[in-house]
PDB file of all heavy atoms in Angstrom:
ATOM      1  N   ARG A   1     154.033  92.853 285.603  1.00  0.00           N
ATOM      2  CA  ARG A   1     154.767  91.626 285.258  1.00  0.00           C
ATOM      3  C   ARG A   1     155.224  91.627 283.809  1.00  0.00           C
ATOM      4  O   ARG A   1     156.165  90.914 283.452  1.00  0.00           O
ATOM      5  CB  ARG A   1     153.898  90.393 285.524  1.00  0.00           C
ATOM      6  CG  ARG A   1     153.682  90.108 286.998  1.00  0.00           C
ATOM      7  CD  ARG A   1     152.700  88.971 287.178  1.00  0.00           C
ATOM      8  NE  ARG A   1     153.238  87.712 286.691  1.00  0.00           N
ATOM      9  CZ  ARG A   1     153.905  86.834 287.433  1.00  0.00           C
ATOM     10  NH1 ARG A   1     154.114  87.083 288.707  1.00  0.00           N
ATOM     11  NH2 ARG A   1     154.340  85.703 286.916  1.00  0.00           N
ATOM     12  N   SER A   2     154.548  92.400 282.962  1.00  0.00           N
ATOM     13  CA  SER A   2     154.904  92.354 281.543  1.00  0.00           C
ATOM     14  C   SER A   2     154.765  93.706 280.864  1.00  0.00           C
ATOM     15  O   SER A   2     155.726  94.247 280.331  1.00  0.00           O
ATOM     16  CB  SER A   2     154.058  91.305 280.816  1.00  0.00           C
ATOM     17  OG  SER A   2     152.684  91.562 281.011  1.00  0.00           O
ATOM     18  N   ARG A   3     153.581  94.304 280.891  1.00  0.00           N
ATOM     19  CA  ARG A   3     153.318  95.501 280.088  1.00  0.00           C
ATOM     20  C   ARG A   3     153.951  96.766 280.660  1.00  0.00           C
ATOM     21  O   ARG A   3     154.195  97.726 279.934  1.00  0.00           O
ATOM     22  CB  ARG A   3     151.810  95.709 279.937  1.00  0.00           C
ATOM     23  CG  ARG A   3     151.078  94.586 279.211  1.00  0.00           C
ATOM     24  CD  ARG A   3     149.587  94.805 279.242  1.00  0.00           C
ATOM     25  NE  ARG A   3     149.209  96.033 278.576  1.00  0.00           N
ATOM     26  CZ  ARG A   3     148.060  96.672 278.793  1.00  0.00           C
ATOM     27  NH1 ARG A   3     147.200  96.212 279.681  1.00  0.00           N
ATOM     28  NH2 ARG A   3     147.790  97.786 278.128  1.00  0.00           N
ATOM     29  N   LEU A   4     154.208  96.807 281.963  1.00  0.00           N
ATOM     30  CA  LEU A   4     154.728  98.000 282.615  1.00  0.00           C
ATOM     31  C   LEU A   4     156.025  97.648 283.332  1.00  0.00           C
ATOM     32  O   LEU A   4     156.045  96.800 284.219  1.00  0.00           O
ATOM     33  CB  LEU A   4     153.693  98.546 283.606  1.00  0.00           C
ATOM     34  CG  LEU A   4     153.924  99.943 284.197  1.00  0.00           C
ATOM     35  CD1 LEU A   4     152.598 100.494 284.734  1.00  0.00           C
ATOM     36  CD2 LEU A   4     154.953  99.939 285.314  1.00  0.00           C
ATOM     37  N   ALA A   5     157.116  98.278 282.929  1.00  0.00           N
ATOM     38  CA  ALA A   5     158.413  98.069 283.572  1.00  0.00           C
ATOM     39  C   ALA A   5     158.790  99.344 284.320  1.00  0.00           C
ATOM     40  O   ALA A   5     158.413 100.451 283.919  1.00  0.00           O
ATOM     41  CB  ALA A   5     159.477  97.732 282.533  1.00  0.00           C
ATOM     42  N   ILE A   6     159.537  99.177 285.401  1.00  0.00           N
ATOM     43  CA  ILE A   6     159.911 100.349 286.198  1.00  0.00           C
ATOM     44  C   ILE A   6     161.312 100.181 286.771  1.00  0.00           C
ATOM     45  O   ILE A   6     161.699  99.080 287.182  1.00  0.00           O
ATOM     46  CB  ILE A   6     158.877 100.600 287.335  1.00  0.00           C
ATOM     47  CG1 ILE A   6     159.246 101.856 288.139  1.00  0.00           C
ATOM     48  CG2 ILE A   6     158.708  99.372 288.223  1.00  0.00           C
ATOM     49  CD1 ILE A   6     158.164 102.317 289.079  1.00  0.00           C
ATOM     50  N   VAL A   7     162.063 101.279 286.754  1.00  0.00           N
ATOM     51  CA  VAL A   7     163.304 101.378 287.512  1.00  0.00           C
ATOM     52  C   VAL A   7     163.037 102.380 288.623  1.00  0.00           C
ATOM     53  O   VAL A   7     163.074 103.588 288.401  1.00  0.00           O
ATOM     54  CB  VAL A   7     164.484 101.834 286.638  1.00  0.00           C
ATOM     55  CG1 VAL A   7     165.744 101.996 287.489  1.00  0.00           C
ATOM     56  CG2 VAL A   7     164.743 100.832 285.516  1.00  0.00           C
ATOM     57  N   PRO A   8     162.707 101.901 289.831  1.00  0.00           N
ATOM     58  CA  PRO A   8     162.381 102.825 290.920  1.00  0.00           C
ATOM     59  C   PRO A   8     163.639 103.483 291.470  1.00  0.00           C
ATOM     60  O   PRO A   8     164.749 102.948 291.343  1.00  0.00           O
ATOM     61  CB  PRO A   8     161.721 101.914 291.961  1.00  0.00           C
ATOM     62  CG  PRO A   8     162.345 100.577 291.725  1.00  0.00           C
ATOM     63  CD  PRO A   8     162.615 100.498 290.237  1.00  0.00           C
ATOM     64  N   GLN A   9     163.452 104.622 292.090  1.00  0.00           N
ATOM     65  CA  GLN A   9     164.605 105.333 292.640  1.00  0.00           C
ATOM     66  C   GLN A   9     165.300 104.494 293.716  1.00  0.00           C
ATOM     67  O   GLN A   9     166.527 104.532 293.845  1.00  0.00           O
ATOM     68  CB  GLN A   9     164.168 106.681 293.217  1.00  0.00           C
ATOM     69  CG  GLN A   9     165.320 107.592 293.540  1.00  0.00           C
ATOM     70  CD  GLN A   9     164.864 108.976 293.952  1.00  0.00           C
ATOM     71  OE1 GLN A   9     165.384 109.543 294.909  1.00  0.00           O
ATOM     72  NE2 GLN A   9     163.891 109.537 293.275  1.00  0.00           N
ATOM     73  N   GLN A  10     164.530 103.707 294.475  1.00  0.00           N
ATOM     74  CA  GLN A  10     165.124 102.884 295.531  1.00  0.00           C
ATOM     75  C   GLN A  10     165.666 101.569 294.991  1.00  0.00           C
ATOM     76  O   GLN A  10     166.231 100.770 295.741  1.00  0.00           O
ATOM     77  CB  GLN A  10     164.120 102.631 296.655  1.00  0.00           C
ATOM     78  CG  GLN A  10     162.925 101.783 296.269  1.00  0.00           C
ATOM     79  CD  GLN A  10     161.762 102.585 295.703  1.00  0.00           C
ATOM     80  OE1 GLN A  10     161.958 103.688 295.175  1.00  0.00           O
ATOM     81  NE2 GLN A  10     160.564 102.050 295.804  1.00  0.00           N
ATOM     82  N   LEU A  11     165.477 101.287 293.706  1.00  0.00           N
ATOM     83  CA  LEU A  11     166.046 100.177 292.935  1.00  0.00           C
ATOM     84  C   LEU A  11     165.448  98.806 293.252  1.00  0.00           C
ATOM     85  O   LEU A  11     165.251  97.995 292.360  1.00  0.00           O
ATOM     86  CB  LEU A  11     167.573 100.142 293.073  1.00  0.00           C
ATOM     87  CG  LEU A  11     168.271 101.441 292.627  1.00  0.00           C
ATOM     88  CD1 LEU A  11     169.765 101.358 292.901  1.00  0.00           C
ATOM     89  CD2 LEU A  11     168.000 101.727 291.166  1.00  0.00           C
ATOM     90  N   ASP A  12     165.174  98.500 294.528  1.00  0.00           N
ATOM     91  CA  ASP A  12     164.469  97.269 294.906  1.00  0.00           C
ATOM     92  C   ASP A  12     165.172  95.990 294.443  1.00  0.00           C
ATOM     93  O   ASP A  12     164.525  95.029 294.036  1.00  0.00           O
ATOM     94  CB  ASP A  12     163.031  97.280 294.359  1.00  0.00           C
ATOM     95  CG  ASP A  12     162.152  98.309 295.054  1.00  0.00           C
ATOM     96  OD1 ASP A  12     162.537  98.766 296.149  1.00  0.00           O
ATOM     97  OD2 ASP A  12     161.094  98.655 294.502  1.00  0.00           O
ATOM     98  N   LEU A  13     166.482  95.968 294.514  1.00  0.00           N
ATOM     99  CA  LEU A  13     167.216  94.725 294.236  1.00  0.00           C
ATOM    100  C   LEU A  13     167.176  93.830 295.475  1.00  0.00           C
ATOM    101  O   LEU A  13     167.203  94.320 296.604  1.00  0.00           O
ATOM    102  CB  LEU A  13     168.658  95.036 293.848  1.00  0.00           C
ATOM    103  CG  LEU A  13     168.854  95.857 292.564  1.00  0.00           C
ATOM    104  CD1 LEU A  13     170.330  96.183 292.387  1.00  0.00           C
ATOM    105  CD2 LEU A  13     168.316  95.125 291.353  1.00  0.00           C
ATOM    106  N   ILE A  14     167.109  92.527 295.258  1.00  0.00           N
ATOM    107  CA  ILE A  14     167.096  91.575 296.368  1.00  0.00           C
ATOM    108  C   ILE A  14     168.528  91.400 296.858  1.00  0.00           C
ATOM    109  O   ILE A  14     169.424  91.031 296.092  1.00  0.00           O
ATOM    110  CB  ILE A  14     166.496  90.237 295.921  1.00  0.00           C
ATOM    111  CG1 ILE A  14     165.046  90.456 295.444  1.00  0.00           C
ATOM    112  CG2 ILE A  14     166.523  89.225 297.074  1.00  0.00           C
ATOM    113  CD1 ILE A  14     164.424  89.238 294.802  1.00  0.00           C
ATOM    114  N   ALA A  15     168.741  91.637 298.156  1.00  0.00           N
ATOM    115  CA  ALA A  15     170.098  91.780 298.685  1.00  0.00           C
ATOM    116  C   ALA A  15     170.894  90.488 298.713  1.00  0.00           C
ATOM    117  O   ALA A  15     172.125  90.511 298.553  1.00  0.00           O
ATOM    118  CB  ALA A  15     170.036  92.376 300.092  1.00  0.00           C
ATOM    119  N   ASP A  16     170.231  89.344 298.908  1.00  0.00           N
ATOM    120  CA  ASP A  16     170.983  88.112 299.172  1.00  0.00           C
ATOM    121  C   ASP A  16     171.101  87.187 297.975  1.00  0.00           C
ATOM    122  O   ASP A  16     171.431  86.005 298.118  1.00  0.00           O
ATOM    123  CB  ASP A  16     170.370  87.366 300.358  1.00  0.00           C
ATOM    124  CG  ASP A  16     168.907  87.003 300.140  1.00  0.00           C
ATOM    125  OD1 ASP A  16     168.341  87.449 299.115  1.00  0.00           O
ATOM    126  OD2 ASP A  16     168.346  86.286 300.985  1.00  0.00           O
ATOM    127  N   ILE A  17     170.832  87.693 296.773  1.00  0.00           N
ATOM    128  CA  ILE A  17     171.110  86.924 295.551  1.00  0.00           C
ATOM    129  C   ILE A  17     171.949  87.799 294.624  1.00  0.00           C
ATOM    130  O   ILE A  17     171.982  89.024 294.771  1.00  0.00           O
ATOM    131  CB  ILE A  17     169.825  86.442 294.847  1.00  0.00           C
ATOM    132  CG1 ILE A  17     168.975  87.633 294.370  1.00  0.00           C
ATOM    133  CG2 ILE A  17     169.025  85.539 295.763  1.00  0.00           C
ATOM    134  CD1 ILE A  17     167.757  87.213 293.548  1.00  0.00           C
ATOM    135  N   SER A  18     172.619  87.188 293.679  1.00  0.00           N
ATOM    136  CA  SER A  18     173.547  87.934 292.826  1.00  0.00           C
ATOM    137  C   SER A  18     172.818  88.901 291.902  1.00  0.00           C
ATOM    138  O   SER A  18     171.598  88.811 291.706  1.00  0.00           O
ATOM    139  CB  SER A  18     174.377  86.964 291.980  1.00  0.00           C
ATOM    140  OG  SER A  18     173.568  86.387 290.960  1.00  0.00           O
ATOM    141  N   CYS A  19     173.582  89.800 291.340  1.00  0.00           N
ATOM    142  CA  CYS A  19     173.013  90.772 290.391  1.00  0.00           C
ATOM    143  C   CYS A  19     172.390  90.060 289.196  1.00  0.00           C
ATOM    144  O   CYS A  19     171.295  90.420 288.752  1.00  0.00           O
ATOM    145  CB  CYS A  19     174.094  91.743 289.926  1.00  0.00           C
ATOM    146  SG  CYS A  19     174.671  92.865 291.227  1.00  0.00           S
ATOM    147  N   MET A  20     173.068  89.055 288.667  1.00  0.00           N
ATOM    148  CA  MET A  20     172.502  88.303 287.552  1.00  0.00           C
ATOM    149  C   MET A  20     171.214  87.605 287.970  1.00  0.00           C
ATOM    150  O   MET A  20     170.227  87.593 287.214  1.00  0.00           O
ATOM    151  CB  MET A  20     173.512  87.287 287.023  1.00  0.00           C
ATOM    152  CG  MET A  20     172.952  86.371 285.931  1.00  0.00           C
ATOM    153  SD  MET A  20     172.370  87.258 284.447  1.00  0.00           S
ATOM    154  CE  MET A  20     173.912  87.405 283.525  1.00  0.00           C
ATOM    155  N   GLU A  21     171.171  87.023 289.147  1.00  0.00           N
ATOM    156  CA  GLU A  21     169.956  86.347 289.614  1.00  0.00           C
ATOM    157  C   GLU A  21     168.809  87.331 289.775  1.00  0.00           C
ATOM    158  O   GLU A  21     167.648  86.992 289.516  1.00  0.00           O
ATOM    159  CB  GLU A  21     170.245  85.613 290.922  1.00  0.00           C
ATOM    160  CG  GLU A  21     171.119  84.381 290.747  1.00  0.00           C
ATOM    161  CD  GLU A  21     171.573  83.780 292.064  1.00  0.00           C
ATOM    162  OE1 GLU A  21     171.884  84.556 292.993  1.00  0.00           O
ATOM    163  OE2 GLU A  21     171.622  82.546 292.164  1.00  0.00           O
ATOM    164  N   ASN A  22     169.101  88.554 290.200  1.00  0.00           N
ATOM    165  CA  ASN A  22     168.070  89.587 290.268  1.00  0.00           C
ATOM    166  C   ASN A  22     167.448  89.819 288.899  1.00  0.00           C
ATOM    167  O   ASN A  22     166.236  89.945 288.767  1.00  0.00           O
ATOM    168  CB  ASN A  22     168.666  90.898 290.799  1.00  0.00           C
ATOM    169  CG  ASN A  22     168.538  91.051 292.299  1.00  0.00           C
ATOM    170  OD1 ASN A  22     167.525  91.509 292.807  1.00  0.00           O
ATOM    171  ND2 ASN A  22     169.587  90.645 293.011  1.00  0.00           N
ATOM    172  N   VAL A  23     168.282  89.877 287.888  1.00  0.00           N
ATOM    173  CA  VAL A  23     167.801  90.093 286.523  1.00  0.00           C
ATOM    174  C   VAL A  23     167.027  88.879 286.030  1.00  0.00           C
ATOM    175  O   VAL A  23     165.946  88.997 285.445  1.00  0.00           O
ATOM    176  CB  VAL A  23     168.976  90.415 285.581  1.00  0.00           C
ATOM    177  CG1 VAL A  23     168.497  90.501 284.134  1.00  0.00           C
ATOM    178  CG2 VAL A  23     169.649  91.722 285.992  1.00  0.00           C
ATOM    179  N   LEU A  24     167.561  87.686 286.286  1.00  0.00           N
ATOM    180  CA  LEU A  24     166.935  86.464 285.793  1.00  0.00           C
ATOM    181  C   LEU A  24     165.562  86.231 286.423  1.00  0.00           C
ATOM    182  O   LEU A  24     164.666  85.678 285.772  1.00  0.00           O
ATOM    183  CB  LEU A  24     167.844  85.260 286.052  1.00  0.00           C
ATOM    184  CG  LEU A  24     169.123  85.201 285.228  1.00  0.00           C
ATOM    185  CD1 LEU A  24     169.978  84.009 285.647  1.00  0.00           C
ATOM    186  CD2 LEU A  24     168.817  85.136 283.728  1.00  0.00           C
ATOM    187  N   LEU A  25     165.383  86.649 287.669  1.00  0.00           N
ATOM    188  CA  LEU A  25     164.078  86.486 288.314  1.00  0.00           C
ATOM    189  C   LEU A  25     162.989  87.191 287.511  1.00  0.00           C
ATOM    190  O   LEU A  25     161.888  86.662 287.329  1.00  0.00           O
ATOM    191  CB  LEU A  25     164.120  87.044 289.740  1.00  0.00           C
ATOM    192  CG  LEU A  25     164.572  86.107 290.849  1.00  0.00           C
ATOM    193  CD1 LEU A  25     164.555  86.838 292.182  1.00  0.00           C
ATOM    194  CD2 LEU A  25     163.697  84.871 290.927  1.00  0.00           C
ATOM    195  N   ASN A  26     163.283  88.392 287.041  1.00  0.00           N
ATOM    196  CA  ASN A  26     162.311  89.127 286.232  1.00  0.00           C
ATOM    197  C   ASN A  26     162.213  88.526 284.835  1.00  0.00           C
ATOM    198  O   ASN A  26     161.126  88.421 284.256  1.00  0.00           O
ATOM    199  CB  ASN A  26     162.698  90.606 286.144  1.00  0.00           C
ATOM    200  CG  ASN A  26     161.605  91.454 285.524  1.00  0.00           C
ATOM    201  OD1 ASN A  26     160.425  91.255 285.784  1.00  0.00           O
ATOM    202  ND2 ASN A  26     161.991  92.411 284.698  1.00  0.00           N
ATOM    203  N   ASN A  27     163.342  88.111 284.309  1.00  0.00           N
ATOM    204  CA  ASN A  27     163.360  87.566 282.948  1.00  0.00           C
ATOM    205  C   ASN A  27     162.523  86.290 282.839  1.00  0.00           C
ATOM    206  O   ASN A  27     161.809  86.082 281.848  1.00  0.00           O
ATOM    207  CB  ASN A  27     164.807  87.284 282.547  1.00  0.00           C
ATOM    208  CG  ASN A  27     164.942  86.819 281.115  1.00  0.00           C
ATOM    209  OD1 ASN A  27     164.549  87.512 280.178  1.00  0.00           O
ATOM    210  ND2 ASN A  27     165.511  85.632 280.930  1.00  0.00           N
ATOM    211  N   GLU A  28     162.584  85.442 283.852  1.00  0.00           N
ATOM    212  CA  GLU A  28     161.960  84.124 283.773  1.00  0.00           C
ATOM    213  C   GLU A  28     160.430  84.173 283.786  1.00  0.00           C
ATOM    214  O   GLU A  28     159.783  83.208 283.377  1.00  0.00           O
ATOM    215  CB  GLU A  28     162.468  83.247 284.921  1.00  0.00           C
ATOM    216  CG  GLU A  28     163.924  82.817 284.737  1.00  0.00           C
ATOM    217  CD  GLU A  28     164.534  82.220 285.987  1.00  0.00           C
ATOM    218  OE1 GLU A  28     163.834  82.185 287.030  1.00  0.00           O
ATOM    219  OE2 GLU A  28     165.706  81.812 285.931  1.00  0.00           O
ATOM    220  N   ILE A  29     159.849  85.273 284.253  1.00  0.00           N
ATOM    221  CA  ILE A  29     158.377  85.364 284.288  1.00  0.00           C
ATOM    222  C   ILE A  29     157.814  86.043 283.040  1.00  0.00           C
ATOM    223  O   ILE A  29     156.602  86.212 282.928  1.00  0.00           O
ATOM    224  CB  ILE A  29     157.883  86.105 285.546  1.00  0.00           C
ATOM    225  CG1 ILE A  29     158.355  87.567 285.546  1.00  0.00           C
ATOM    226  CG2 ILE A  29     158.325  85.379 286.805  1.00  0.00           C
ATOM    227  CD1 ILE A  29     157.752  88.399 286.669  1.00  0.00           C
ATOM    228  N   GLN A  30     158.697  86.403 282.086  1.00  0.00           N
ATOM    229  CA  GLN A  30     158.237  87.078 280.882  1.00  0.00           C
ATOM    230  C   GLN A  30     157.714  86.069 279.857  1.00  0.00           C
ATOM    231  O   GLN A  30     158.189  84.933 279.788  1.00  0.00           O
ATOM    232  CB  GLN A  30     159.376  87.902 280.264  1.00  0.00           C
ATOM    233  CG  GLN A  30     159.948  88.963 281.188  1.00  0.00           C
ATOM    234  CD  GLN A  30     158.883  89.869 281.768  1.00  0.00           C
ATOM    235  OE1 GLN A  30     157.994  90.356 281.044  1.00  0.00           O
ATOM    236  NE2 GLN A  30     158.963  90.106 283.070  1.00  0.00           N
ATOM    237  N   PRO A  31     156.741  86.485 279.056  1.00  0.00           N
ATOM    238  CA  PRO A  31     156.224  85.590 278.007  1.00  0.00           C
ATOM    239  C   PRO A  31     157.312  85.137 277.032  1.00  0.00           C
ATOM    240  O   PRO A  31     157.298  84.000 276.564  1.00  0.00           O
ATOM    241  CB  PRO A  31     155.170  86.457 277.300  1.00  0.00           C
ATOM    242  CG  PRO A  31     154.771  87.483 278.301  1.00  0.00           C
ATOM    243  CD  PRO A  31     156.006  87.759 279.110  1.00  0.00           C
ATOM    244  N   LYS A  32     158.256  86.038 276.740  1.00  0.00           N
ATOM    245  CA  LYS A  32     159.364  85.700 275.855  1.00  0.00           C
ATOM    246  C   LYS A  32     160.680  86.093 276.536  1.00  0.00           C
ATOM    247  O   LYS A  32     161.248  87.152 276.260  1.00  0.00           O
ATOM    248  CB  LYS A  32     159.223  86.433 274.512  1.00  0.00           C
ATOM    249  CG  LYS A  32     158.010  86.002 273.696  1.00  0.00           C
ATOM    250  CD  LYS A  32     157.952  86.731 272.370  1.00  0.00           C
ATOM    251  CE  LYS A  32     156.756  86.275 271.537  1.00  0.00           C
ATOM    252  NZ  LYS A  32     156.694  86.987 270.235  1.00  0.00           N
ATOM    253  N   PRO A  33     161.156  85.244 277.435  1.00  0.00           N
ATOM    254  CA  PRO A  33     162.385  85.594 278.159  1.00  0.00           C
ATOM    255  C   PRO A  33     163.594  85.691 277.234  1.00  0.00           C
ATOM    256  O   PRO A  33     163.662  85.021 276.200  1.00  0.00           O
ATOM    257  CB  PRO A  33     162.539  84.449 279.163  1.00  0.00           C
ATOM    258  CG  PRO A  33     161.739  83.325 278.608  1.00  0.00           C
ATOM    259  CD  PRO A  33     160.614  83.945 277.846  1.00  0.00           C
ATOM    260  N   LEU A  34     164.530  86.539 277.619  1.00  0.00           N
ATOM    261  CA  LEU A  34     165.773  86.664 276.867  1.00  0.00           C
ATOM    262  C   LEU A  34     166.681  85.479 277.173  1.00  0.00           C
ATOM    263  O   LEU A  34     166.582  84.845 278.220  1.00  0.00           O
ATOM    264  CB  LEU A  34     166.484  87.969 277.252  1.00  0.00           C
ATOM    265  CG  LEU A  34     165.743  89.276 277.004  1.00  0.00           C
ATOM    266  CD1 LEU A  34     166.594  90.453 277.480  1.00  0.00           C
ATOM    267  CD2 LEU A  34     165.372  89.449 275.540  1.00  0.00           C
ATOM    268  N   TYR A  35     167.586  85.199 276.235  1.00  0.00           N
ATOM    269  CA  TYR A  35     168.629  84.211 276.496  1.00  0.00           C
ATOM    270  C   TYR A  35     169.667  84.841 277.434  1.00  0.00           C
ATOM    271  O   TYR A  35     169.882  86.062 277.415  1.00  0.00           O
ATOM    272  CB  TYR A  35     169.299  83.771 275.202  1.00  0.00           C
ATOM    273  CG  TYR A  35     168.395  82.971 274.285  1.00  0.00           C
ATOM    274  CD1 TYR A  35     167.905  83.533 273.103  1.00  0.00           C
ATOM    275  CD2 TYR A  35     168.030  81.661 274.610  1.00  0.00           C
ATOM    276  CE1 TYR A  35     167.074  82.809 272.266  1.00  0.00           C
ATOM    277  CE2 TYR A  35     167.198  80.931 273.775  1.00  0.00           C
ATOM    278  CZ  TYR A  35     166.720  81.505 272.608  1.00  0.00           C
ATOM    279  OH  TYR A  35     165.896  80.792 271.781  1.00  0.00           O
ATOM    280  N   GLN A  36     170.329  84.016 278.222  1.00  0.00           N
ATOM    281  CA  GLN A  36     171.270  84.556 279.184  1.00  0.00           C
ATOM    282  C   GLN A  36     172.408  85.309 278.491  1.00  0.00           C
ATOM    283  O   GLN A  36     172.890  86.321 279.013  1.00  0.00           O
ATOM    284  CB  GLN A  36     171.841  83.456 280.089  1.00  0.00           C
ATOM    285  CG  GLN A  36     172.734  84.008 281.193  1.00  0.00           C
ATOM    286  CD  GLN A  36     172.885  83.061 282.368  1.00  0.00           C
ATOM    287  OE1 GLN A  36     172.017  82.251 282.629  1.00  0.00           O
ATOM    288  NE2 GLN A  36     174.006  83.166 283.075  1.00  0.00           N
ATOM    289  N   HIS A  37     172.825  84.850 277.304  1.00  0.00           N
ATOM    290  CA  HIS A  37     173.919  85.557 276.622  1.00  0.00           C
ATOM    291  C   HIS A  37     173.485  86.966 276.200  1.00  0.00           C
ATOM    292  O   HIS A  37     174.316  87.882 276.115  1.00  0.00           O
ATOM    293  CB  HIS A  37     174.430  84.751 275.425  1.00  0.00           C
ATOM    294  CG  HIS A  37     173.499  84.723 274.246  1.00  0.00           C
ATOM    295  ND1 HIS A  37     173.453  85.724 273.298  1.00  0.00           N
ATOM    296  CD2 HIS A  37     172.575  83.805 273.861  1.00  0.00           C
ATOM    297  CE1 HIS A  37     172.546  85.434 272.385  1.00  0.00           C
ATOM    298  NE2 HIS A  37     171.997  84.274 272.697  1.00  0.00           N
ATOM    299  N   GLN A  38     172.176  87.169 275.960  1.00  0.00           N
ATOM    300  CA  GLN A  38     171.681  88.510 275.641  1.00  0.00           C
ATOM    301  C   GLN A  38     171.776  89.417 276.869  1.00  0.00           C
ATOM    302  O   GLN A  38     172.120  90.597 276.758  1.00  0.00           O
ATOM    303  CB  GLN A  38     170.237  88.435 275.154  1.00  0.00           C
ATOM    304  CG  GLN A  38     170.060  87.734 273.817  1.00  0.00           C
ATOM    305  CD  GLN A  38     168.597  87.564 273.442  1.00  0.00           C
ATOM    306  OE1 GLN A  38     167.852  86.851 274.117  1.00  0.00           O
ATOM    307  NE2 GLN A  38     168.175  88.239 272.377  1.00  0.00           N
ATOM    308  N   ILE A  39     171.472  88.856 278.023  1.00  0.00           N
ATOM    309  CA  ILE A  39     171.566  89.624 279.266  1.00  0.00           C
ATOM    310  C   ILE A  39     173.025  89.939 279.582  1.00  0.00           C
ATOM    311  O   ILE A  39     173.367  91.066 279.965  1.00  0.00           O
ATOM    312  CB  ILE A  39     170.905  88.846 280.418  1.00  0.00           C
ATOM    313  CG1 ILE A  39     169.410  88.666 280.134  1.00  0.00           C
ATOM    314  CG2 ILE A  39     171.108  89.570 281.743  1.00  0.00           C
ATOM    315  CD1 ILE A  39     168.696  87.768 281.114  1.00  0.00           C
ATOM    316  N   GLU A  40     173.895  88.969 279.382  1.00  0.00           N
ATOM    317  CA  GLU A  40     175.319  89.202 279.616  1.00  0.00           C
ATOM    318  C   GLU A  40     175.847  90.294 278.697  1.00  0.00           C
ATOM    319  O   GLU A  40     176.696  91.107 279.097  1.00  0.00           O
ATOM    320  CB  GLU A  40     176.100  87.906 279.404  1.00  0.00           C
ATOM    321  CG  GLU A  40     175.835  86.857 280.474  1.00  0.00           C
ATOM    322  CD  GLU A  40     176.496  85.527 280.163  1.00  0.00           C
ATOM    323  OE1 GLU A  40     177.048  85.377 279.046  1.00  0.00           O
ATOM    324  OE2 GLU A  40     176.446  84.629 281.032  1.00  0.00           O
TER     325      GLU A  40
END
């Protein structure tokens, strides 16, 4: 959830939400989430 990040070969993106929402799901559980403009 925080100390170990991974980009798996199968990618594991959630199919029925947008690419940005996929990113935000991970961002929102971080102790210090990024601002959306940083992600953009």
